[in-house]
């Protein structure tokens, strides 16, 4: 029986013809032109969106950077403090049970 079954999933195709099985990449002859068209459309849309972006001025950028740096420093102290407390707790616990 010469039945052909084509199962496409995520750009791959499985062709079964009789007892012979062949797996291909899913690219047919006309697919390359479609992929190139989609890529060109994507790049054009990205360029349009980049023109719409409101970029921060130097002062906004400086203020945001300072806020982020302060937040990171505070978070580092909090994590360091938690680490010191947990380390002390584990050392105390181990010394109680080790004799």
PDB file of N, CA and C in Angstrom:
ATOM      1  N   UNK A   1       0.842  -1.175   0.000  1.00  0.00           N
ATOM      2  CA  UNK A   1       0.000   0.000   0.000  1.00  0.00           C
ATOM      3  C   UNK A   1       0.886   1.236   0.000  1.00  0.00           C
ATOM      4  N   UNK A   2       0.596   2.152  -0.875  1.00  0.00           N
ATOM      5  CA  UNK A   2       1.417   3.333  -1.034  1.00  0.00           C
ATOM      6  C   UNK A   2       0.917   4.528  -0.259  1.00  0.00           C
ATOM      7  N   UNK A   3       0.298   4.329   0.905  1.00  0.00           N
ATOM      8  CA  UNK A   3      -0.230   5.444   1.692  1.00  0.00           C
ATOM      9  C   UNK A   3       0.910   6.261   2.269  1.00  0.00           C
ATOM     10  N   UNK A   4       0.785   7.589   2.165  1.00  0.00           N
ATOM     11  CA  UNK A   4       1.775   8.488   2.749  1.00  0.00           C
ATOM     12  C   UNK A   4       1.109   9.265   3.872  1.00  0.00           C
ATOM     13  N   UNK A   5       1.733   9.288   5.011  1.00  0.00           N
ATOM     14  CA  UNK A   5       1.229  10.026   6.167  1.00  0.00           C
ATOM     15  C   UNK A   5       2.264  11.081   6.502  1.00  0.00           C
ATOM     16  N   UNK A   6       1.796  12.314   6.674  1.00  0.00           N
ATOM     17  CA  UNK A   6       2.716  13.397   7.021  1.00  0.00           C
ATOM     18  C   UNK A   6       2.252  14.017   8.328  1.00  0.00           C
ATOM     19  N   UNK A   7       3.064  13.906   9.350  1.00  0.00           N
ATOM     20  CA  UNK A   7       2.769  14.486  10.654  1.00  0.00           C
ATOM     21  C   UNK A   7       3.737  15.635  10.877  1.00  0.00           C
ATOM     22  N   UNK A   8       3.232  16.855  10.974  1.00  0.00           N
ATOM     23  CA  UNK A   8       4.093  18.020  11.182  1.00  0.00           C
ATOM     24  C   UNK A   8       3.962  18.498  12.622  1.00  0.00           C
ATOM     25  N   UNK A   9       5.093  18.717  13.252  1.00  0.00           N
ATOM     26  CA  UNK A   9       5.093  19.225  14.617  1.00  0.00           C
ATOM     27  C   UNK A   9       6.379  20.017  14.813  1.00  0.00           C
ATOM     28  N   UNK A  10       6.235  21.297  15.168  1.00  0.00           N
ATOM     29  CA  UNK A  10       7.377  22.172  15.440  1.00  0.00           C
ATOM     30  C   UNK A  10       8.376  22.220  14.293  1.00  0.00           C
ATOM     31  N   UNK A  11       7.894  22.320  13.064  1.00  0.00           N
ATOM     32  CA  UNK A  11       8.782  22.466  11.925  1.00  0.00           C
ATOM     33  C   UNK A  11       9.411  21.181  11.446  1.00  0.00           C
ATOM     34  N   UNK A  12       9.043  20.039  11.999  1.00  0.00           N
ATOM     35  CA  UNK A  12       9.586  18.769  11.534  1.00  0.00           C
ATOM     36  C   UNK A  12       8.466  17.979  10.878  1.00  0.00           C
ATOM     37  N   UNK A  13       8.844  17.135   9.964  1.00  0.00           N
ATOM     38  CA  UNK A  13       7.843  16.324   9.276  1.00  0.00           C
ATOM     39  C   UNK A  13       8.281  14.873   9.314  1.00  0.00           C
ATOM     40  N   UNK A  14       7.346  13.982   9.519  1.00  0.00           N
ATOM     41  CA  UNK A  14       7.606  12.551   9.502  1.00  0.00           C
ATOM     42  C   UNK A  14       6.792  11.976   8.362  1.00  0.00           C
ATOM     43  N   UNK A  15       7.474  11.395   7.412  1.00  0.00           N
ATOM     44  CA  UNK A  15       6.778  10.806   6.279  1.00  0.00           C
ATOM     45  C   UNK A  15       6.873   9.296   6.374  1.00  0.00           C
ATOM     46  N   UNK A  16       5.759   8.647   6.262  1.00  0.00           N
ATOM     47  CA  UNK A  16       5.728   7.195   6.292  1.00  0.00           C
ATOM     48  C   UNK A  16       5.169   6.731   4.954  1.00  0.00           C
ATOM     49  N   UNK A  17       5.932   5.986   4.241  1.00  0.00           N
ATOM     50  CA  UNK A  17       5.486   5.458   2.949  1.00  0.00           C
ATOM     51  C   UNK A  17       5.727   3.963   2.962  1.00  0.00           C
ATOM     52  N   UNK A  18       4.665   3.193   3.143  1.00  0.00           N
ATOM     53  CA  UNK A  18       4.819   1.743   3.274  1.00  0.00           C
ATOM     54  C   UNK A  18       5.559   1.427   4.550  1.00  0.00           C
ATOM     55  N   UNK A  19       6.675   0.702   4.455  1.00  0.00           N
ATOM     56  CA  UNK A  19       7.457   0.374   5.644  1.00  0.00           C
ATOM     57  C   UNK A  19       8.690   1.262   5.768  1.00  0.00           C
ATOM     58  N   UNK A  20       8.856   2.220   4.846  1.00  0.00           N
ATOM     59  CA  UNK A  20      10.016   3.108   4.872  1.00  0.00           C
ATOM     60  C   UNK A  20       9.651   4.380   5.622  1.00  0.00           C
ATOM     61  N   UNK A  21      10.473   4.759   6.594  1.00  0.00           N
ATOM     62  CA  UNK A  21      10.223   5.978   7.369  1.00  0.00           C
ATOM     63  C   UNK A  21      11.377   6.938   7.163  1.00  0.00           C
ATOM     64  N   UNK A  22      11.039   8.199   6.929  1.00  0.00           N
ATOM     65  CA  UNK A  22      12.053   9.212   6.715  1.00  0.00           C
ATOM     66  C   UNK A  22      11.660  10.461   7.487  1.00  0.00           C
ATOM     67  N   UNK A  23      12.583  11.028   8.236  1.00  0.00           N
ATOM     68  CA  UNK A  23      12.324  12.254   8.976  1.00  0.00           C
ATOM     69  C   UNK A  23      13.057  13.373   8.259  1.00  0.00           C
ATOM     70  N   UNK A  24      12.328  14.447   7.952  1.00  0.00           N
ATOM     71  CA  UNK A  24      12.954  15.583   7.283  1.00  0.00           C
ATOM     72  C   UNK A  24      12.880  16.803   8.188  1.00  0.00           C
ATOM     73  N   UNK A  25      13.531  17.878   7.785  1.00  0.00           N
ATOM     74  CA  UNK A  25      13.581  19.087   8.599  1.00  0.00           C
ATOM     75  C   UNK A  25      12.291  19.881   8.540  1.00  0.00           C
ATOM     76  N   UNK A  26      11.374  19.542   7.646  1.00  0.00           N
ATOM     77  CA  UNK A  26      10.125  20.266   7.537  1.00  0.00           C
ATOM     78  C   UNK A  26      10.192  21.417   6.560  1.00  0.00           C
ATOM     79  N   UNK A  27      11.355  21.678   5.968  1.00  0.00           N
ATOM     80  CA  UNK A  27      11.482  22.759   4.997  1.00  0.00           C
ATOM     81  C   UNK A  27      11.168  22.221   3.610  1.00  0.00           C
ATOM     82  N   UNK A  28      10.171  22.781   3.023  1.00  0.00           N
ATOM     83  CA  UNK A  28       9.836  22.441   1.643  1.00  0.00           C
ATOM     84  C   UNK A  28      10.448  23.510   0.751  1.00  0.00           C
ATOM     85  N   UNK A  29      10.311  23.382  -0.542  1.00  0.00           N
ATOM     86  CA  UNK A  29      10.948  24.317  -1.465  1.00  0.00           C
ATOM     87  C   UNK A  29      10.406  25.736  -1.317  1.00  0.00           C
ATOM     88  N   UNK A  30       9.110  25.908  -1.043  1.00  0.00           N
ATOM     89  CA  UNK A  30       8.531  27.235  -0.912  1.00  0.00           C
ATOM     90  C   UNK A  30       8.643  27.821   0.479  1.00  0.00           C
ATOM     91  N   UNK A  31       9.061  27.015   1.462  1.00  0.00           N
ATOM     92  CA  UNK A  31       9.123  27.485   2.847  1.00  0.00           C
ATOM     93  C   UNK A  31      10.228  28.502   3.073  1.00  0.00           C
ATOM     94  N   UNK A  32      11.324  28.394   2.330  1.00  0.00           N
ATOM     95  CA  UNK A  32      12.444  29.312   2.535  1.00  0.00           C
ATOM     96  C   UNK A  32      12.038  30.744   2.217  1.00  0.00           C
ATOM     97  N   UNK A  33      11.285  30.939   1.147  1.00  0.00           N
ATOM     98  CA  UNK A  33      10.822  32.283   0.798  1.00  0.00           C
ATOM     99  C   UNK A  33       9.895  32.822   1.883  1.00  0.00           C
ATOM    100  N   UNK A  34       9.040  31.962   2.436  1.00  0.00           N
ATOM    101  CA  UNK A  34       8.143  32.380   3.518  1.00  0.00           C
ATOM    102  C   UNK A  34       8.904  32.774   4.764  1.00  0.00           C
ATOM    103  N   UNK A  35       9.945  32.017   5.076  1.00  0.00           N
ATOM    104  CA  UNK A  35      10.762  32.329   6.260  1.00  0.00           C
ATOM    105  C   UNK A  35      11.474  33.668   6.062  1.00  0.00           C
ATOM    106  N   UNK A  36      11.996  33.892   4.864  1.00  0.00           N
ATOM    107  CA  UNK A  36      12.682  35.163   4.596  1.00  0.00           C
ATOM    108  C   UNK A  36      11.711  36.333   4.662  1.00  0.00           C
ATOM    109  N   UNK A  37      10.489  36.147   4.144  1.00  0.00           N
ATOM    110  CA  UNK A  37       9.486  37.212   4.218  1.00  0.00           C
ATOM    111  C   UNK A  37       9.130  37.519   5.661  1.00  0.00           C
ATOM    112  N   UNK A  38       8.940  36.470   6.482  1.00  0.00           N
ATOM    113  CA  UNK A  38       8.602  36.668   7.893  1.00  0.00           C
ATOM    114  C   UNK A  38       9.738  37.365   8.635  1.00  0.00           C
ATOM    115  N   UNK A  39      10.965  36.997   8.314  1.00  0.00           N
ATOM    116  CA  UNK A  39      12.119  37.629   8.955  1.00  0.00           C
ATOM    117  C   UNK A  39      12.196  39.108   8.587  1.00  0.00           C
ATOM    118  N   UNK A  40      11.975  39.429   7.316  1.00  0.00           N
ATOM    119  CA  UNK A  40      12.000  40.819   6.876  1.00  0.00           C
ATOM    120  C   UNK A  40      10.892  41.614   7.554  1.00  0.00           C
ATOM    121  N   UNK A  41       9.696  41.047   7.654  1.00  0.00           N
ATOM    122  CA  UNK A  41       8.588  41.721   8.326  1.00  0.00           C
ATOM    123  C   UNK A  41       8.920  41.965   9.789  1.00  0.00           C
ATOM    124  N   UNK A  42       9.507  40.974  10.446  1.00  0.00           N
ATOM    125  CA  UNK A  42       9.878  41.107  11.853  1.00  0.00           C
ATOM    126  C   UNK A  42      10.871  42.254  12.042  1.00  0.00           C
ATOM    127  N   UNK A  43      11.898  42.309  11.199  1.00  0.00           N
ATOM    128  CA  UNK A  43      12.921  43.354  11.320  1.00  0.00           C
ATOM    129  C   UNK A  43      12.298  44.732  11.091  1.00  0.00           C
ATOM    130  N   UNK A  44      11.412  44.845  10.118  1.00  0.00           N
ATOM    131  CA  UNK A  44      10.747  46.124   9.860  1.00  0.00           C
ATOM    132  C   UNK A  44       9.889  46.544  11.047  1.00  0.00           C
ATOM    133  N   UNK A  45       9.176  45.597  11.660  1.00  0.00           N
ATOM    134  CA  UNK A  45       8.341  45.924  12.822  1.00  0.00           C
ATOM    135  C   UNK A  45       9.191  46.332  14.021  1.00  0.00           C
ATOM    136  N   UNK A  46      10.337  45.700  14.180  1.00  0.00           N
ATOM    137  CA  UNK A  46      11.246  46.082  15.267  1.00  0.00           C
ATOM    138  C   UNK A  46      11.739  47.512  15.063  1.00  0.00           C
ATOM    139  N   UNK A  47      12.075  47.865  13.836  1.00  0.00           N
ATOM    140  CA  UNK A  47      12.536  49.224  13.560  1.00  0.00           C
ATOM    141  C   UNK A  47      11.450  50.250  13.859  1.00  0.00           C
ATOM    142  N   UNK A  48      10.207  49.945  13.509  1.00  0.00           N
ATOM    143  CA  UNK A  48       9.095  50.860  13.807  1.00  0.00           C
ATOM    144  C   UNK A  48       8.940  51.022  15.312  1.00  0.00           C
ATOM    145  N   UNK A  49       8.980  49.916  16.046  1.00  0.00           N
ATOM    146  CA  UNK A  49       8.827  49.984  17.503  1.00  0.00           C
ATOM    147  C   UNK A  49       9.980  50.742  18.157  1.00  0.00           C
ATOM    148  N   UNK A  50      11.188  50.581  17.648  1.00  0.00           N
ATOM    149  CA  UNK A  50      12.336  51.281  18.223  1.00  0.00           C
ATOM    150  C   UNK A  50      12.212  52.797  18.028  1.00  0.00           C
ATOM    151  N   UNK A  51      11.550  53.234  16.948  1.00  0.00           N
ATOM    152  CA  UNK A  51      11.329  54.665  16.759  1.00  0.00           C
ATOM    153  C   UNK A  51      10.304  55.198  17.747  1.00  0.00           C
ATOM    154  N   UNK A  52       9.401  54.349  18.215  1.00  0.00           N
ATOM    155  CA  UNK A  52       8.353  54.769  19.151  1.00  0.00           C
ATOM    156  C   UNK A  52       8.840  54.838  20.600  1.00  0.00           C
ATOM    157  N   UNK A  53       9.974  54.231  20.889  1.00  0.00           N
ATOM    158  CA  UNK A  53      10.480  54.163  22.262  1.00  0.00           C
ATOM    159  C   UNK A  53      10.834  55.562  22.754  1.00  0.00           C
ATOM    160  N   UNK A  54      10.424  55.855  23.993  1.00  0.00           N
ATOM    161  CA  UNK A  54      10.819  57.101  24.636  1.00  0.00           C
ATOM    162  C   UNK A  54      12.040  56.792  25.500  1.00  0.00           C
ATOM    163  N   UNK A  55      13.182  57.253  25.053  1.00  0.00           N
ATOM    164  CA  UNK A  55      14.418  56.955  25.761  1.00  0.00           C
ATOM    165  C   UNK A  55      14.596  57.937  26.921  1.00  0.00           C
ATOM    166  N   UNK A  56      15.128  57.466  28.057  1.00  0.00           N
ATOM    167  CA  UNK A  56      15.337  58.366  29.200  1.00  0.00           C
ATOM    168  C   UNK A  56      16.468  59.350  28.916  1.00  0.00           C
ATOM    169  N   UNK A  57      16.341  60.539  29.518  1.00  0.00           N
ATOM    170  CA  UNK A  57      17.436  61.493  29.374  1.00  0.00           C
ATOM    171  C   UNK A  57      18.529  61.147  30.390  1.00  0.00           C
ATOM    172  N   UNK A  58      19.610  61.899  30.365  1.00  0.00           N
ATOM    173  CA  UNK A  58      20.767  61.577  31.207  1.00  0.00           C
ATOM    174  C   UNK A  58      20.410  61.613  32.698  1.00  0.00           C
ATOM    175  N   UNK A  59      19.602  62.579  33.127  1.00  0.00           N
ATOM    176  CA  UNK A  59      19.241  62.706  34.544  1.00  0.00           C
ATOM    177  C   UNK A  59      18.374  61.529  34.999  1.00  0.00           C
ATOM    178  N   UNK A  60      17.406  61.143  34.188  1.00  0.00           N
ATOM    179  CA  UNK A  60      16.566  59.992  34.531  1.00  0.00           C
ATOM    180  C   UNK A  60      17.402  58.727  34.632  1.00  0.00           C
ATOM    181  N   UNK A  61      18.331  58.562  33.700  1.00  0.00           N
ATOM    182  CA  UNK A  61      19.196  57.389  33.703  1.00  0.00           C
ATOM    183  C   UNK A  61      20.078  57.358  34.948  1.00  0.00           C
ATOM    184  N   UNK A  62      20.633  58.513  35.316  1.00  0.00           N
ATOM    185  CA  UNK A  62      21.479  58.599  36.516  1.00  0.00           C
ATOM    186  C   UNK A  62      20.676  58.275  37.767  1.00  0.00           C
ATOM    187  N   UNK A  63      19.464  58.854  37.882  1.00  0.00           N
ATOM    188  CA  UNK A  63      18.637  58.612  39.065  1.00  0.00           C
ATOM    189  C   UNK A  63      18.233  57.136  39.171  1.00  0.00           C
ATOM    190  N   UNK A  64      17.864  56.533  38.055  1.00  0.00           N
ATOM    191  CA  UNK A  64      17.486  55.122  38.074  1.00  0.00           C
ATOM    192  C   UNK A  64      18.677  54.249  38.461  1.00  0.00           C
ATOM    193  N   UNK A  65      19.855  54.596  37.963  1.00  0.00           N
ATOM    194  CA  UNK A  65      21.060  53.830  38.292  1.00  0.00           C
ATOM    195  C   UNK A  65      21.371  53.931  39.775  1.00  0.00           C
ATOM    196  N   UNK A  66      21.250  55.111  40.355  1.00  0.00           N
ATOM    197  CA  UNK A  66      21.507  55.293  41.789  1.00  0.00           C
ATOM    198  C   UNK A  66      20.517  54.484  42.623  1.00  0.00           C
ATOM    199  N   UNK A  67      19.243  54.533  42.250  1.00  0.00           N
ATOM    200  CA  UNK A  67      18.226  53.771  42.988  1.00  0.00           C
ATOM    201  C   UNK A  67      18.532  52.288  42.930  1.00  0.00           C
ATOM    202  N   UNK A  68      18.897  51.787  41.763  1.00  0.00           N
ATOM    203  CA  UNK A  68      19.192  50.362  41.617  1.00  0.00           C
ATOM    204  C   UNK A  68      20.417  49.976  42.432  1.00  0.00           C
ATOM    205  N   UNK A  69      21.462  50.800  42.394  1.00  0.00           N
ATOM    206  CA  UNK A  69      22.674  50.497  43.170  1.00  0.00           C
ATOM    207  C   UNK A  69      22.379  50.479  44.671  1.00  0.00           C
ATOM    208  N   UNK A  70      21.604  51.442  45.157  1.00  0.00           N
ATOM    209  CA  UNK A  70      21.245  51.462  46.581  1.00  0.00           C
ATOM    210  C   UNK A  70      20.440  50.208  46.940  1.00  0.00           C
ATOM    211  N   UNK A  71      19.488  49.835  46.086  1.00  0.00           N
ATOM    212  CA  UNK A  71      18.690  48.641  46.328  1.00  0.00           C
ATOM    213  C   UNK A  71      19.568  47.391  46.387  1.00  0.00           C
ATOM    214  N   UNK A  72      20.520  47.276  45.468  1.00  0.00           N
ATOM    215  CA  UNK A  72      21.402  46.109  45.441  1.00  0.00           C
ATOM    216  C   UNK A  72      22.274  46.061  46.700  1.00  0.00           C
ATOM    217  N   UNK A  73      22.777  47.209  47.140  1.00  0.00           N
ATOM    218  CA  UNK A  73      23.611  47.244  48.351  1.00  0.00           C
ATOM    219  C   UNK A  73      22.793  46.847  49.575  1.00  0.00           C
ATOM    220  N   UNK A  74      21.580  47.388  49.698  1.00  0.00           N
ATOM    221  CA  UNK A  74      20.715  47.024  50.824  1.00  0.00           C
ATOM    222  C   UNK A  74      20.403  45.529  50.800  1.00  0.00           C
ATOM    223  N   UNK A  75      20.077  45.009  49.629  1.00  0.00           N
ATOM    224  CA  UNK A  75      19.773  43.586  49.502  1.00  0.00           C
ATOM    225  C   UNK A  75      20.989  42.733  49.856  1.00  0.00           C
ATOM    226  N   UNK A  76      22.184  43.181  49.479  1.00  0.00           N
ATOM    227  CA  UNK A  76      23.406  42.444  49.822  1.00  0.00           C
ATOM    228  C   UNK A  76      23.597  42.393  51.336  1.00  0.00           C
ATOM    229  N   UNK A  77      23.336  43.504  52.026  1.00  0.00           N
ATOM    230  CA  UNK A  77      23.451  43.504  53.495  1.00  0.00           C
ATOM    231  C   UNK A  77      22.406  42.578  54.128  1.00  0.00           C
ATOM    232  N   UNK A  78      21.200  42.580  53.598  1.00  0.00           N
ATOM    233  CA  UNK A  78      20.151  41.705  54.142  1.00  0.00           C
ATOM    234  C   UNK A  78      20.533  40.237  53.958  1.00  0.00           C
ATOM    235  N   UNK A  79      20.982  39.876  52.760  1.00  0.00           N
ATOM    236  CA  UNK A  79      21.369  38.481  52.512  1.00  0.00           C
ATOM    237  C   UNK A  79      22.589  38.108  53.335  1.00  0.00           C
ATOM    238  N   UNK A  80      23.561  39.029  53.457  1.00  0.00           N
ATOM    239  CA  UNK A  80      24.731  38.768  54.297  1.00  0.00           C
ATOM    240  C   UNK A  80      24.350  38.568  55.755  1.00  0.00           C
ATOM    241  N   UNK A  81      23.416  39.394  56.254  1.00  0.00           N
ATOM    242  CA  UNK A  81      22.947  39.235  57.630  1.00  0.00           C
ATOM    243  C   UNK A  81      22.229  37.910  57.841  1.00  0.00           C
ATOM    244  N   UNK A  82      21.373  37.542  56.895  1.00  0.00           N
ATOM    245  CA  UNK A  82      20.684  36.248  56.994  1.00  0.00           C
ATOM    246  C   UNK A  82      21.680  35.101  56.976  1.00  0.00           C
ATOM    247  N   UNK A  83      22.707  35.206  56.143  1.00  0.00           N
ATOM    248  CA  UNK A  83      23.732  34.173  56.074  1.00  0.00           C
ATOM    249  C   UNK A  83      24.480  34.062  57.402  1.00  0.00           C
ATOM    250  N   UNK A  84      24.806  35.198  58.013  1.00  0.00           N
ATOM    251  CA  UNK A  84      25.511  35.177  59.299  1.00  0.00           C
ATOM    252  C   UNK A  84      24.651  34.542  60.379  1.00  0.00           C
ATOM    253  N   UNK A  85      23.354  34.878  60.418  1.00  0.00           N
ATOM    254  CA  UNK A  85      22.460  34.310  61.427  1.00  0.00           C
ATOM    255  C   UNK A  85      22.307  32.808  61.226  1.00  0.00           C
ATOM    256  N   UNK A  86      22.083  32.378  59.998  1.00  0.00           N
ATOM    257  CA  UNK A  86      21.921  30.940  59.747  1.00  0.00           C
ATOM    258  C   UNK A  86      23.214  30.181  60.009  1.00  0.00           C
ATOM    259  N   UNK A  87      24.364  30.779  59.675  1.00  0.00           N
ATOM    260  CA  UNK A  87      25.647  30.128  59.960  1.00  0.00           C
ATOM    261  C   UNK A  87      25.838  29.964  61.460  1.00  0.00           C
ATOM    262  N   UNK A  88      25.530  31.007  62.228  1.00  0.00           N
ATOM    263  CA  UNK A  88      25.641  30.921  63.678  1.00  0.00           C
ATOM    264  C   UNK A  88      24.708  29.838  64.222  1.00  0.00           C
ATOM    265  N   UNK A  89      23.485  29.789  63.700  1.00  0.00           N
ATOM    266  CA  UNK A  89      22.504  28.797  64.157  1.00  0.00           C
ATOM    267  C   UNK A  89      22.996  27.383  63.869  1.00  0.00           C
ATOM    268  N   UNK A  90      23.516  27.139  62.689  1.00  0.00           N
ATOM    269  CA  UNK A  90      23.983  25.792  62.330  1.00  0.00           C
ATOM    270  C   UNK A  90      25.213  25.428  63.159  1.00  0.00           C
ATOM    271  N   UNK A  91      26.154  26.363  63.351  1.00  0.00           N
ATOM    272  CA  UNK A  91      27.327  26.074  64.174  1.00  0.00           C
ATOM    273  C   UNK A  91      26.921  25.742  65.602  1.00  0.00           C
ATOM    274  N   UNK A  92      25.961  26.519  66.153  1.00  0.00           N
ATOM    275  CA  UNK A  92      25.482  26.259  67.508  1.00  0.00           C
ATOM    276  C   UNK A  92      24.803  24.894  67.596  1.00  0.00           C
ATOM    277  N   UNK A  93      24.003  24.567  66.632  1.00  0.00           N
ATOM    278  CA  UNK A  93      23.300  23.291  66.603  1.00  0.00           C
ATOM    279  C   UNK A  93      24.277  22.132  66.508  1.00  0.00           C
ATOM    280  N   UNK A  94      25.287  22.268  65.646  1.00  0.00           N
ATOM    281  CA  UNK A  94      26.287  21.208  65.483  1.00  0.00           C
ATOM    282  C   UNK A  94      27.107  21.042  66.753  1.00  0.00           C
ATOM    283  N   UNK A  95      27.468  22.152  67.409  1.00  0.00           N
ATOM    284  CA  UNK A  95      28.270  22.045  68.637  1.00  0.00           C
ATOM    285  C   UNK A  95      27.469  21.419  69.769  1.00  0.00           C
ATOM    286  N   UNK A  96      26.141  21.608  69.782  1.00  0.00           N
ATOM    287  CA  UNK A  96      25.323  20.982  70.829  1.00  0.00           C
ATOM    288  C   UNK A  96      25.277  19.462  70.664  1.00  0.00           C
ATOM    289  N   UNK A  97      25.208  18.992  69.426  1.00  0.00           N
ATOM    290  CA  UNK A  97      25.074  17.554  69.206  1.00  0.00           C
ATOM    291  C   UNK A  97      26.401  16.832  69.021  1.00  0.00           C
ATOM    292  N   UNK A  98      27.480  17.560  68.840  1.00  0.00           N
ATOM    293  CA  UNK A  98      28.780  16.902  68.644  1.00  0.00           C
ATOM    294  C   UNK A  98      29.487  16.658  69.983  1.00  0.00           C
ATOM    295  N   UNK A  99      29.018  17.247  71.020  1.00  0.00           N
ATOM    296  CA  UNK A  99      29.550  16.957  72.346  1.00  0.00           C
ATOM    297  C   UNK A  99      30.588  17.822  72.756  1.00  0.00           C
TER     298      UNK A  99
END
